[in-house]
Amino acid sequence: MLDIQDDVTPIYDQQNQPHPILVVISGPSGVGKDTTLSLMKQRNLPFHFVVTATTRPRRPSEAEGVDYHFVSVGEFAEMIDSDELLEYAVVYGDYKGIPKTHVRKALASGKDVILRIDVQGAATIRRLIPEAVTIFLVAENEEEQMRRLRERKTETPDRLKMRIATARKELQQLHEFQYIVVNRDDRQEETVDKVISIIEAEKCRVDWSPVNL
């Protein structure tokens, strides 16, 4: 006679174990990636937000270790030589990269890891970590996307033109991602709700598998 309890116990044991996942939040420049992460942090959920290292100069509104790790080109080169970066790329003339150690430690502790990276970096992560969950943020339409870039006023006219041209190219890559979330300017909390719902659903997958770095 089949003992149903013995048959399902391993399933319950498996579901009670932590299922940490690695989540990539990406999208074109100016779409609201930083704002989305900031709102997620305010909810005090048990996520580990990986801080990207960059050679880009710090903006007045940014804080070291919170928005980015701001390093010199020489320091970044040392990180590359020491194989300390999960991925890195040149973005608008500056280097950006994900510290590998922070990701490993967070996953080992059972925490979900959130990466905020550009579309170019997301492509690298998809290749290196097929288990990663990829989310593409978009504005309501292209006109709104371009308006946000222009109103930031953080670049020279030439660099702004480059960002607009790059954003248009990046929008063509949304089909490479698993999820797309529309980030409306006046409904940003809804964006956060959708991102968290995606994370919760992915952690309940029957075919969940651990991230190997």
N, C-alpha and C. Protein backbone atom coordinates (compact mmCIF):
# COMPACT_ATOMS: atom_id res chain seq x y z
N MET A 1 0.85 -1.21 0.00
CA MET A 1 0.00 0.00 0.00
C MET A 1 0.88 1.25 0.00
N LEU A 2 0.54 2.23 -0.82
CA LEU A 2 1.33 3.45 -0.95
C LEU A 2 1.10 4.34 0.26
N ASP A 3 2.19 4.73 0.89
CA ASP A 3 2.12 5.67 2.01
C ASP A 3 2.23 7.08 1.46
N ILE A 4 1.10 7.77 1.38
CA ILE A 4 1.07 9.10 0.78
C ILE A 4 1.96 10.07 1.53
N GLN A 5 1.97 9.96 2.85
CA GLN A 5 2.77 10.90 3.65
C GLN A 5 4.25 10.76 3.31
N ASP A 6 4.75 9.51 3.21
CA ASP A 6 6.15 9.29 2.87
C ASP A 6 6.46 9.79 1.47
N ASP A 7 5.45 9.72 0.59
CA ASP A 7 5.67 10.10 -0.80
C ASP A 7 5.81 11.62 -0.95
N VAL A 8 5.06 12.40 -0.17
CA VAL A 8 5.07 13.85 -0.33
C VAL A 8 6.02 14.56 0.63
N THR A 9 6.49 13.90 1.66
CA THR A 9 7.38 14.55 2.63
C THR A 9 8.59 15.20 1.98
N PRO A 10 9.29 14.51 1.05
CA PRO A 10 10.45 15.16 0.41
C PRO A 10 10.09 16.45 -0.31
N ILE A 11 8.86 16.52 -0.86
CA ILE A 11 8.43 17.73 -1.55
C ILE A 11 8.31 18.88 -0.56
N TYR A 12 7.69 18.60 0.60
CA TYR A 12 7.56 19.65 1.61
C TYR A 12 8.92 20.08 2.13
N ASP A 13 9.82 19.11 2.32
CA ASP A 13 11.16 19.44 2.79
C ASP A 13 11.87 20.35 1.80
N GLN A 14 11.70 20.06 0.52
CA GLN A 14 12.35 20.87 -0.52
C GLN A 14 11.79 22.29 -0.53
N GLN A 15 10.48 22.43 -0.41
CA GLN A 15 9.86 23.74 -0.46
C GLN A 15 10.20 24.58 0.76
N ASN A 16 10.54 23.94 1.88
CA ASN A 16 10.89 24.67 3.09
C ASN A 16 12.33 25.15 3.08
N GLN A 17 13.10 24.75 2.09
CA GLN A 17 14.48 25.19 1.97
C GLN A 17 14.52 26.54 1.24
N PRO A 18 15.54 27.38 1.54
CA PRO A 18 15.63 28.66 0.82
C PRO A 18 15.90 28.45 -0.66
N HIS A 19 15.25 29.22 -1.49
CA HIS A 19 15.42 29.14 -2.94
C HIS A 19 15.90 30.49 -3.46
N PRO A 20 17.14 30.88 -3.13
CA PRO A 20 17.61 32.19 -3.58
C PRO A 20 17.75 32.27 -5.09
N ILE A 21 17.37 33.40 -5.64
CA ILE A 21 17.48 33.60 -7.08
C ILE A 21 18.26 34.88 -7.36
N LEU A 22 18.78 34.98 -8.56
CA LEU A 22 19.49 36.16 -9.01
C LEU A 22 18.62 36.89 -10.02
N VAL A 23 18.30 38.14 -9.73
CA VAL A 23 17.38 38.92 -10.55
C VAL A 23 18.11 40.07 -11.21
N VAL A 24 17.96 40.18 -12.51
CA VAL A 24 18.54 41.28 -13.27
C VAL A 24 17.44 42.28 -13.61
N ILE A 25 17.60 43.52 -13.16
CA ILE A 25 16.68 44.60 -13.52
C ILE A 25 17.42 45.52 -14.48
N SER A 26 16.92 45.60 -15.70
CA SER A 26 17.61 46.35 -16.73
C SER A 26 16.61 47.19 -17.52
N GLY A 27 17.12 47.83 -18.55
CA GLY A 27 16.28 48.70 -19.38
C GLY A 27 17.10 49.87 -19.88
N PRO A 28 16.57 50.65 -20.79
CA PRO A 28 17.32 51.77 -21.36
C PRO A 28 17.60 52.85 -20.31
N SER A 29 18.62 53.65 -20.59
CA SER A 29 19.00 54.73 -19.69
C SER A 29 17.82 55.68 -19.46
N GLY A 30 17.60 56.06 -18.18
CA GLY A 30 16.54 56.99 -17.85
C GLY A 30 15.18 56.39 -17.64
N VAL A 31 15.05 55.06 -17.72
CA VAL A 31 13.74 54.42 -17.61
C VAL A 31 13.25 54.35 -16.16
N GLY A 32 14.18 54.51 -15.21
CA GLY A 32 13.77 54.48 -13.81
C GLY A 32 14.28 53.30 -13.02
N LYS A 33 15.40 52.73 -13.42
CA LYS A 33 15.97 51.58 -12.70
C LYS A 33 16.36 51.97 -11.28
N ASP A 34 17.04 53.11 -11.13
CA ASP A 34 17.49 53.54 -9.80
C ASP A 34 16.30 53.82 -8.88
N THR A 35 15.28 54.48 -9.41
CA THR A 35 14.10 54.78 -8.60
C THR A 35 13.39 53.50 -8.16
N THR A 36 13.30 52.54 -9.06
CA THR A 36 12.67 51.25 -8.72
C THR A 36 13.41 50.55 -7.60
N LEU A 37 14.74 50.51 -7.68
CA LEU A 37 15.52 49.88 -6.63
C LEU A 37 15.40 50.63 -5.31
N SER A 38 15.37 51.96 -5.38
CA SER A 38 15.24 52.75 -4.16
C SER A 38 13.92 52.46 -3.45
N LEU A 39 12.85 52.33 -4.21
CA LEU A 39 11.55 52.02 -3.62
C LEU A 39 11.51 50.60 -3.06
N MET A 40 12.20 49.68 -3.73
CA MET A 40 12.28 48.31 -3.22
C MET A 40 13.01 48.28 -1.88
N LYS A 41 14.09 49.04 -1.77
CA LYS A 41 14.87 49.08 -0.53
C LYS A 41 14.04 49.63 0.62
N GLN A 42 13.16 50.60 0.32
CA GLN A 42 12.33 51.20 1.36
C GLN A 42 11.36 50.22 1.98
N ARG A 43 11.08 49.13 1.30
CA ARG A 43 10.15 48.13 1.84
C ARG A 43 10.84 47.15 2.78
N ASN A 44 12.15 47.27 2.92
CA ASN A 44 12.92 46.45 3.87
C ASN A 44 12.73 44.95 3.66
N LEU A 45 12.67 44.54 2.41
CA LEU A 45 12.56 43.13 2.09
C LEU A 45 13.95 42.50 2.11
N PRO A 46 14.03 41.19 2.35
CA PRO A 46 15.34 40.53 2.51
C PRO A 46 16.07 40.29 1.19
N PHE A 47 16.27 41.34 0.42
CA PHE A 47 17.02 41.24 -0.82
C PHE A 47 18.43 41.78 -0.61
N HIS A 48 19.37 41.25 -1.39
CA HIS A 48 20.72 41.81 -1.39
C HIS A 48 20.89 42.58 -2.70
N PHE A 49 21.05 43.89 -2.57
CA PHE A 49 21.22 44.75 -3.74
C PHE A 49 22.70 44.92 -4.01
N VAL A 50 23.17 44.39 -5.12
CA VAL A 50 24.59 44.47 -5.45
C VAL A 50 24.89 45.86 -5.99
N VAL A 51 25.93 46.47 -5.45
CA VAL A 51 26.35 47.80 -5.87
C VAL A 51 27.41 47.66 -6.96
N THR A 52 27.15 48.29 -8.09
CA THR A 52 28.05 48.22 -9.24
C THR A 52 29.27 49.12 -9.03
N ALA A 53 30.42 48.64 -9.49
CA ALA A 53 31.63 49.47 -9.50
C ALA A 53 31.70 50.22 -10.83
N THR A 54 32.09 51.48 -10.79
CA THR A 54 32.16 52.26 -12.02
C THR A 54 33.30 53.27 -11.96
N THR A 55 33.83 53.61 -13.13
CA THR A 55 34.84 54.66 -13.23
C THR A 55 34.19 56.01 -13.54
N ARG A 56 32.87 56.03 -13.66
CA ARG A 56 32.17 57.29 -13.94
C ARG A 56 32.26 58.23 -12.74
N PRO A 57 32.46 59.53 -12.98
CA PRO A 57 32.49 60.48 -11.86
C PRO A 57 31.18 60.47 -11.08
N ARG A 58 31.27 60.66 -9.79
CA ARG A 58 30.07 60.68 -8.94
C ARG A 58 29.28 61.96 -9.17
N ARG A 59 27.96 61.80 -9.30
CA ARG A 59 27.08 62.95 -9.43
C ARG A 59 26.76 63.50 -8.03
N PRO A 60 26.39 64.78 -7.94
CA PRO A 60 26.13 65.38 -6.62
C PRO A 60 25.09 64.62 -5.79
N SER A 61 24.11 64.01 -6.45
CA SER A 61 23.03 63.33 -5.72
C SER A 61 23.38 61.90 -5.33
N GLU A 62 24.55 61.42 -5.72
CA GLU A 62 24.91 60.02 -5.50
C GLU A 62 25.83 59.84 -4.29
N ALA A 63 25.73 58.66 -3.68
CA ALA A 63 26.54 58.34 -2.51
C ALA A 63 27.40 57.12 -2.78
N GLU A 64 28.65 57.17 -2.34
CA GLU A 64 29.56 56.05 -2.49
C GLU A 64 29.05 54.84 -1.71
N GLY A 65 29.07 53.68 -2.37
CA GLY A 65 28.64 52.46 -1.72
C GLY A 65 27.14 52.25 -1.68
N VAL A 66 26.40 53.26 -2.11
CA VAL A 66 24.94 53.17 -2.15
C VAL A 66 24.47 53.11 -3.60
N ASP A 67 24.85 54.12 -4.37
CA ASP A 67 24.49 54.14 -5.79
C ASP A 67 25.50 53.34 -6.62
N TYR A 68 26.79 53.57 -6.35
CA TYR A 68 27.87 52.87 -7.02
C TYR A 68 29.09 52.82 -6.11
N HIS A 69 30.03 51.94 -6.45
CA HIS A 69 31.37 52.03 -5.91
C HIS A 69 32.17 52.81 -6.95
N PHE A 70 32.56 54.02 -6.61
CA PHE A 70 33.28 54.87 -7.56
C PHE A 70 34.78 54.61 -7.44
N VAL A 71 35.38 54.13 -8.51
CA VAL A 71 36.79 53.77 -8.49
C VAL A 71 37.50 54.42 -9.68
N SER A 72 38.83 54.47 -9.59
CA SER A 72 39.62 55.00 -10.69
C SER A 72 39.77 53.94 -11.77
N VAL A 73 40.22 54.36 -12.95
CA VAL A 73 40.44 53.41 -14.03
C VAL A 73 41.50 52.38 -13.61
N GLY A 74 42.52 52.84 -12.90
CA GLY A 74 43.56 51.93 -12.43
C GLY A 74 43.03 50.89 -11.47
N GLU A 75 42.18 51.32 -10.54
CA GLU A 75 41.58 50.38 -9.59
C GLU A 75 40.69 49.37 -10.30
N PHE A 76 39.96 49.85 -11.31
CA PHE A 76 39.09 48.96 -12.07
C PHE A 76 39.93 47.93 -12.82
N ALA A 77 41.05 48.36 -13.37
CA ALA A 77 41.94 47.43 -14.08
C ALA A 77 42.46 46.34 -13.15
N GLU A 78 42.76 46.71 -11.90
CA GLU A 78 43.21 45.73 -10.92
C GLU A 78 42.11 44.71 -10.61
N MET A 79 40.86 45.17 -10.57
CA MET A 79 39.74 44.26 -10.33
C MET A 79 39.59 43.27 -11.48
N ILE A 80 39.83 43.74 -12.70
CA ILE A 80 39.78 42.84 -13.86
C ILE A 80 40.89 41.81 -13.79
N ASP A 81 42.11 42.27 -13.49
CA ASP A 81 43.27 41.37 -13.42
C ASP A 81 43.10 40.31 -12.33
N SER A 82 42.43 40.69 -11.24
CA SER A 82 42.24 39.77 -10.11
C SER A 82 41.00 38.89 -10.27
N ASP A 83 40.31 39.01 -11.40
CA ASP A 83 39.09 38.24 -11.67
C ASP A 83 38.04 38.46 -10.58
N GLU A 84 37.91 39.71 -10.15
CA GLU A 84 36.97 40.05 -9.08
C GLU A 84 35.60 40.44 -9.62
N LEU A 85 35.43 40.52 -10.94
CA LEU A 85 34.18 41.00 -11.51
C LEU A 85 33.41 39.88 -12.19
N LEU A 86 32.12 39.83 -11.91
CA LEU A 86 31.26 38.87 -12.57
C LEU A 86 31.11 39.21 -14.04
N GLU A 87 30.95 40.49 -14.31
CA GLU A 87 30.90 40.99 -15.69
C GLU A 87 31.30 42.46 -15.66
N TYR A 88 31.80 42.94 -16.79
CA TYR A 88 32.11 44.36 -16.89
C TYR A 88 32.00 44.79 -18.34
N ALA A 89 31.81 46.08 -18.53
CA ALA A 89 31.64 46.61 -19.89
C ALA A 89 31.94 48.09 -19.89
N VAL A 90 32.15 48.62 -21.07
CA VAL A 90 32.31 50.07 -21.24
C VAL A 90 30.94 50.64 -21.61
N VAL A 91 30.45 51.56 -20.80
CA VAL A 91 29.13 52.15 -21.00
C VAL A 91 29.29 53.66 -21.10
N TYR A 92 28.99 54.22 -22.27
CA TYR A 92 29.14 55.65 -22.52
C TYR A 92 30.54 56.14 -22.15
N GLY A 93 31.54 55.33 -22.44
CA GLY A 93 32.92 55.73 -22.23
C GLY A 93 33.48 55.44 -20.85
N ASP A 94 32.66 54.92 -19.95
CA ASP A 94 33.11 54.59 -18.60
C ASP A 94 32.94 53.09 -18.34
N TYR A 95 33.79 52.55 -17.46
CA TYR A 95 33.71 51.14 -17.11
C TYR A 95 32.70 50.92 -15.98
N LYS A 96 31.95 49.81 -16.11
CA LYS A 96 31.05 49.38 -15.05
C LYS A 96 31.19 47.87 -14.88
N GLY A 97 31.10 47.40 -13.64
CA GLY A 97 31.24 45.97 -13.41
C GLY A 97 30.59 45.52 -12.11
N ILE A 98 30.27 44.24 -12.03
CA ILE A 98 29.61 43.64 -10.86
C ILE A 98 30.63 42.86 -10.04
N PRO A 99 30.89 43.24 -8.78
CA PRO A 99 31.80 42.48 -7.92
C PRO A 99 31.28 41.07 -7.67
N LYS A 100 32.09 40.09 -7.98
CA LYS A 100 31.67 38.69 -7.91
C LYS A 100 31.45 38.21 -6.47
N THR A 101 32.34 38.61 -5.57
CA THR A 101 32.31 38.12 -4.19
C THR A 101 30.99 38.43 -3.51
N HIS A 102 30.47 39.64 -3.71
CA HIS A 102 29.24 40.04 -3.05
C HIS A 102 28.06 39.17 -3.48
N VAL A 103 28.03 38.79 -4.74
CA VAL A 103 26.95 37.95 -5.25
C VAL A 103 27.01 36.57 -4.63
N ARG A 104 28.20 35.99 -4.58
CA ARG A 104 28.36 34.64 -4.02
C ARG A 104 27.95 34.59 -2.55
N LYS A 105 28.40 35.56 -1.78
CA LYS A 105 28.10 35.56 -0.35
C LYS A 105 26.61 35.68 -0.09
N ALA A 106 25.94 36.54 -0.84
CA ALA A 106 24.51 36.73 -0.64
C ALA A 106 23.72 35.48 -0.98
N LEU A 107 24.03 34.85 -2.11
CA LEU A 107 23.33 33.63 -2.50
C LEU A 107 23.58 32.51 -1.49
N ALA A 108 24.82 32.41 -1.01
CA ALA A 108 25.16 31.37 -0.03
C ALA A 108 24.39 31.55 1.27
N SER A 109 24.04 32.80 1.60
CA SER A 109 23.29 33.06 2.83
C SER A 109 21.79 32.85 2.65
N GLY A 110 21.37 32.55 1.41
CA GLY A 110 19.96 32.31 1.15
C GLY A 110 19.19 33.53 0.69
N LYS A 111 19.88 34.66 0.47
CA LYS A 111 19.21 35.88 0.05
C LYS A 111 19.07 35.94 -1.47
N ASP A 112 17.98 36.55 -1.92
CA ASP A 112 17.83 36.84 -3.35
C ASP A 112 18.73 38.01 -3.70
N VAL A 113 19.38 37.93 -4.84
CA VAL A 113 20.31 38.96 -5.27
C VAL A 113 19.69 39.78 -6.39
N ILE A 114 19.71 41.10 -6.24
CA ILE A 114 19.16 42.01 -7.24
C ILE A 114 20.31 42.76 -7.92
N LEU A 115 20.40 42.64 -9.23
CA LEU A 115 21.40 43.36 -10.00
C LEU A 115 20.71 44.43 -10.85
N ARG A 116 21.15 45.66 -10.74
CA ARG A 116 20.67 46.73 -11.60
C ARG A 116 21.80 47.01 -12.62
N ILE A 117 21.59 46.58 -13.85
CA ILE A 117 22.65 46.73 -14.84
C ILE A 117 22.07 47.16 -16.18
N ASP A 118 22.94 47.69 -17.02
CA ASP A 118 22.51 48.15 -18.34
C ASP A 118 22.22 46.95 -19.24
N VAL A 119 21.66 47.21 -20.39
CA VAL A 119 21.25 46.15 -21.31
C VAL A 119 22.45 45.34 -21.79
N GLN A 120 23.58 46.00 -22.03
CA GLN A 120 24.78 45.31 -22.46
C GLN A 120 25.25 44.32 -21.40
N GLY A 121 25.27 44.76 -20.15
CA GLY A 121 25.68 43.87 -19.07
C GLY A 121 24.71 42.73 -18.85
N ALA A 122 23.42 43.00 -19.04
CA ALA A 122 22.40 41.96 -18.88
C ALA A 122 22.62 40.82 -19.87
N ALA A 123 23.06 41.16 -21.07
CA ALA A 123 23.33 40.13 -22.07
C ALA A 123 24.45 39.22 -21.61
N THR A 124 25.47 39.80 -20.96
CA THR A 124 26.58 38.99 -20.43
C THR A 124 26.10 38.08 -19.32
N ILE A 125 25.27 38.60 -18.42
CA ILE A 125 24.76 37.80 -17.31
C ILE A 125 23.92 36.64 -17.83
N ARG A 126 23.10 36.88 -18.84
CA ARG A 126 22.28 35.80 -19.41
C ARG A 126 23.16 34.68 -19.94
N ARG A 127 24.30 35.05 -20.53
CA ARG A 127 25.19 34.04 -21.08
C ARG A 127 25.93 33.28 -19.97
N LEU A 128 26.36 33.99 -18.94
CA LEU A 128 27.13 33.36 -17.86
C LEU A 128 26.26 32.63 -16.85
N ILE A 129 25.05 33.15 -16.62
CA ILE A 129 24.17 32.60 -15.59
C ILE A 129 22.79 32.37 -16.19
N PRO A 130 22.57 31.26 -16.83
CA PRO A 130 21.26 31.01 -17.46
C PRO A 130 20.12 30.93 -16.46
N GLU A 131 20.43 30.71 -15.17
CA GLU A 131 19.37 30.64 -14.16
C GLU A 131 18.86 32.02 -13.75
N ALA A 132 19.53 33.08 -14.17
CA ALA A 132 19.14 34.44 -13.78
C ALA A 132 17.75 34.79 -14.29
N VAL A 133 17.00 35.54 -13.49
CA VAL A 133 15.68 36.03 -13.87
C VAL A 133 15.86 37.45 -14.40
N THR A 134 15.45 37.69 -15.63
CA THR A 134 15.72 38.98 -16.27
C THR A 134 14.44 39.78 -16.47
N ILE A 135 14.48 41.03 -16.01
CA ILE A 135 13.32 41.93 -16.08
C ILE A 135 13.72 43.20 -16.82
N PHE A 136 12.94 43.56 -17.82
CA PHE A 136 13.21 44.74 -18.64
C PHE A 136 12.19 45.82 -18.32
N LEU A 137 12.66 46.97 -17.84
CA LEU A 137 11.76 48.09 -17.56
C LEU A 137 11.63 48.97 -18.79
N VAL A 138 10.43 49.42 -19.07
CA VAL A 138 10.19 50.33 -20.19
C VAL A 138 9.27 51.46 -19.73
N ALA A 139 9.35 52.60 -20.41
CA ALA A 139 8.39 53.68 -20.21
C ALA A 139 7.12 53.35 -20.99
N GLU A 140 6.10 54.20 -20.83
CA GLU A 140 4.83 53.93 -21.52
C GLU A 140 4.98 53.89 -23.03
N ASN A 141 5.87 54.72 -23.55
CA ASN A 141 6.11 54.79 -24.98
C ASN A 141 7.46 55.45 -25.22
N GLU A 142 7.88 55.47 -26.48
CA GLU A 142 9.21 56.03 -26.79
C GLU A 142 9.28 57.52 -26.51
N GLU A 143 8.21 58.23 -26.76
CA GLU A 143 8.20 59.68 -26.51
C GLU A 143 8.46 59.98 -25.04
N GLU A 144 7.82 59.20 -24.15
CA GLU A 144 8.01 59.38 -22.71
C GLU A 144 9.45 59.02 -22.32
N GLN A 145 10.00 57.97 -22.92
CA GLN A 145 11.37 57.57 -22.64
C GLN A 145 12.35 58.70 -22.99
N MET A 146 12.18 59.31 -24.15
CA MET A 146 13.06 60.38 -24.57
C MET A 146 12.90 61.63 -23.69
N ARG A 147 11.67 61.90 -23.26
CA ARG A 147 11.43 63.04 -22.36
C ARG A 147 12.19 62.88 -21.06
N ARG A 148 12.18 61.69 -20.49
CA ARG A 148 12.89 61.45 -19.23
C ARG A 148 14.39 61.69 -19.40
N LEU A 149 14.94 61.25 -20.51
CA LEU A 149 16.37 61.45 -20.74
C LEU A 149 16.70 62.94 -20.84
N ARG A 150 15.87 63.69 -21.55
CA ARG A 150 16.15 65.11 -21.73
C ARG A 150 16.01 65.88 -20.41
N GLU A 151 15.06 65.50 -19.58
CA GLU A 151 14.81 66.24 -18.34
C GLU A 151 15.81 65.92 -17.24
N ARG A 152 16.63 64.88 -17.42
CA ARG A 152 17.65 64.58 -16.41
C ARG A 152 18.71 65.67 -16.35
N LYS A 153 19.08 66.22 -17.52
CA LYS A 153 20.06 67.32 -17.62
C LYS A 153 21.37 67.00 -16.90
N THR A 154 21.84 65.76 -17.08
CA THR A 154 23.11 65.34 -16.46
C THR A 154 24.22 65.18 -17.48
N GLU A 155 23.92 65.41 -18.78
CA GLU A 155 24.92 65.22 -19.82
C GLU A 155 25.02 66.45 -20.71
N THR A 156 26.13 66.52 -21.42
CA THR A 156 26.29 67.55 -22.44
C THR A 156 25.35 67.21 -23.60
N PRO A 157 25.07 68.15 -24.49
CA PRO A 157 24.19 67.85 -25.63
C PRO A 157 24.65 66.65 -26.45
N ASP A 158 25.96 66.53 -26.68
CA ASP A 158 26.46 65.41 -27.48
C ASP A 158 26.26 64.08 -26.76
N ARG A 159 26.53 64.05 -25.45
CA ARG A 159 26.34 62.80 -24.69
C ARG A 159 24.86 62.45 -24.59
N LEU A 160 24.00 63.47 -24.53
CA LEU A 160 22.56 63.21 -24.50
C LEU A 160 22.11 62.57 -25.80
N LYS A 161 22.63 63.07 -26.93
CA LYS A 161 22.30 62.48 -28.22
C LYS A 161 22.71 61.01 -28.26
N MET A 162 23.89 60.71 -27.67
CA MET A 162 24.37 59.33 -27.64
C MET A 162 23.45 58.46 -26.79
N ARG A 163 23.02 58.98 -25.64
CA ARG A 163 22.13 58.21 -24.77
C ARG A 163 20.79 57.94 -25.45
N ILE A 164 20.26 58.93 -26.15
CA ILE A 164 18.98 58.75 -26.84
C ILE A 164 19.12 57.70 -27.94
N ALA A 165 20.21 57.78 -28.72
CA ALA A 165 20.43 56.81 -29.79
C ALA A 165 20.61 55.41 -29.21
N THR A 166 21.35 55.31 -28.10
CA THR A 166 21.59 54.00 -27.47
C THR A 166 20.29 53.44 -26.90
N ALA A 167 19.48 54.31 -26.28
CA ALA A 167 18.21 53.86 -25.70
C ALA A 167 17.31 53.25 -26.76
N ARG A 168 17.28 53.87 -27.95
CA ARG A 168 16.46 53.34 -29.03
C ARG A 168 16.93 51.94 -29.44
N LYS A 169 18.23 51.73 -29.48
CA LYS A 169 18.78 50.41 -29.81
C LYS A 169 18.47 49.40 -28.71
N GLU A 170 18.58 49.85 -27.47
CA GLU A 170 18.34 48.94 -26.34
C GLU A 170 16.88 48.47 -26.30
N LEU A 171 15.96 49.35 -26.68
CA LEU A 171 14.55 48.97 -26.68
C LEU A 171 14.28 47.81 -27.64
N GLN A 172 15.10 47.66 -28.64
CA GLN A 172 14.93 46.58 -29.61
C GLN A 172 15.33 45.22 -29.03
N GLN A 173 15.96 45.21 -27.85
CA GLN A 173 16.44 43.96 -27.25
C GLN A 173 15.52 43.43 -26.16
N LEU A 174 14.36 44.05 -25.98
CA LEU A 174 13.49 43.61 -24.89
C LEU A 174 13.03 42.17 -25.04
N HIS A 175 12.98 41.66 -26.28
CA HIS A 175 12.54 40.27 -26.48
C HIS A 175 13.55 39.26 -25.94
N GLU A 176 14.76 39.73 -25.57
CA GLU A 176 15.77 38.83 -25.00
C GLU A 176 15.52 38.58 -23.52
N PHE A 177 14.61 39.33 -22.92
CA PHE A 177 14.35 39.22 -21.48
C PHE A 177 13.14 38.34 -21.22
N GLN A 178 13.05 37.82 -19.99
CA GLN A 178 11.93 36.95 -19.62
C GLN A 178 10.68 37.73 -19.28
N TYR A 179 10.86 38.92 -18.70
CA TYR A 179 9.72 39.73 -18.27
C TYR A 179 9.90 41.17 -18.73
N ILE A 180 8.78 41.83 -18.98
CA ILE A 180 8.78 43.26 -19.29
C ILE A 180 7.79 43.93 -18.34
N VAL A 181 8.23 45.04 -17.73
CA VAL A 181 7.39 45.78 -16.79
C VAL A 181 7.37 47.24 -17.23
N VAL A 182 6.17 47.77 -17.44
CA VAL A 182 6.02 49.18 -17.80
C VAL A 182 6.14 50.02 -16.54
N ASN A 183 7.10 50.93 -16.53
CA ASN A 183 7.34 51.80 -15.38
C ASN A 183 6.74 53.18 -15.66
N ARG A 184 5.49 53.37 -15.25
CA ARG A 184 4.81 54.65 -15.47
C ARG A 184 5.28 55.68 -14.44
N ASP A 185 5.47 56.89 -14.89
CA ASP A 185 6.06 57.94 -14.06
C ASP A 185 5.25 58.21 -12.80
N ASP A 186 3.94 58.10 -12.88
CA ASP A 186 3.09 58.43 -11.74
C ASP A 186 2.58 57.19 -10.99
N ARG A 187 3.11 56.01 -11.37
CA ARG A 187 2.65 54.77 -10.73
C ARG A 187 3.84 53.85 -10.46
N GLN A 188 4.88 54.43 -9.86
CA GLN A 188 6.12 53.68 -9.68
C GLN A 188 5.99 52.58 -8.62
N GLU A 189 5.10 52.79 -7.65
CA GLU A 189 4.89 51.73 -6.64
C GLU A 189 4.31 50.48 -7.31
N GLU A 190 3.51 50.67 -8.36
CA GLU A 190 2.97 49.51 -9.09
C GLU A 190 4.09 48.74 -9.77
N THR A 191 5.09 49.46 -10.26
CA THR A 191 6.25 48.81 -10.86
C THR A 191 6.93 47.91 -9.84
N VAL A 192 7.12 48.43 -8.64
CA VAL A 192 7.75 47.64 -7.57
C VAL A 192 6.89 46.42 -7.24
N ASP A 193 5.59 46.60 -7.15
CA ASP A 193 4.69 45.47 -6.87
C ASP A 193 4.85 44.36 -7.90
N LYS A 194 4.94 44.74 -9.17
CA LYS A 194 5.07 43.75 -10.24
C LYS A 194 6.41 43.03 -10.16
N VAL A 195 7.48 43.78 -9.90
CA VAL A 195 8.81 43.16 -9.80
C VAL A 195 8.84 42.15 -8.65
N ILE A 196 8.28 42.53 -7.52
CA ILE A 196 8.27 41.63 -6.36
C ILE A 196 7.40 40.40 -6.65
N SER A 197 6.30 40.58 -7.35
CA SER A 197 5.44 39.44 -7.71
C SER A 197 6.20 38.45 -8.61
N ILE A 198 7.00 38.98 -9.53
CA ILE A 198 7.81 38.12 -10.40
C ILE A 198 8.80 37.32 -9.57
N ILE A 199 9.45 37.99 -8.62
CA ILE A 199 10.42 37.31 -7.77
C ILE A 199 9.76 36.20 -6.96
N GLU A 200 8.61 36.50 -6.37
CA GLU A 200 7.91 35.50 -5.55
C GLU A 200 7.49 34.30 -6.40
N ALA A 201 7.02 34.55 -7.61
CA ALA A 201 6.61 33.45 -8.48
C ALA A 201 7.80 32.59 -8.89
N GLU A 202 8.93 33.23 -9.20
CA GLU A 202 10.12 32.47 -9.62
C GLU A 202 10.65 31.59 -8.49
N LYS A 203 10.51 32.04 -7.26
CA LYS A 203 10.99 31.24 -6.12
C LYS A 203 10.11 30.02 -5.87
N CYS A 204 8.91 30.02 -6.45
CA CYS A 204 8.00 28.88 -6.27
C CYS A 204 8.04 27.90 -7.43
N ARG A 205 8.94 28.11 -8.37
CA ARG A 205 9.01 27.23 -9.53
C ARG A 205 9.39 25.80 -9.13
N VAL A 206 8.72 24.84 -9.74
CA VAL A 206 9.04 23.43 -9.49
C VAL A 206 10.42 23.10 -10.05
N ASP A 207 10.80 23.76 -11.15
CA ASP A 207 12.09 23.47 -11.77
C ASP A 207 13.18 24.45 -11.34
N TRP A 208 13.02 25.04 -10.14
CA TRP A 208 14.06 25.94 -9.61
C TRP A 208 15.39 25.22 -9.53
N SER A 209 16.44 25.92 -9.90
CA SER A 209 17.78 25.36 -9.76
C SER A 209 18.71 26.44 -9.24
N PRO A 210 19.72 26.08 -8.42
CA PRO A 210 20.59 27.07 -7.82
C PRO A 210 21.50 27.76 -8.83
N VAL A 211 21.90 28.98 -8.51
CA VAL A 211 22.83 29.72 -9.35
C VAL A 211 24.25 29.27 -9.02
N ASN A 212 25.00 28.92 -10.04
CA ASN A 212 26.38 28.49 -9.87
C ASN A 212 27.33 29.53 -10.47
N LEU A 213 28.20 30.09 -9.64
CA LEU A 213 29.17 31.08 -10.11
C LEU A 213 30.58 30.50 -10.09
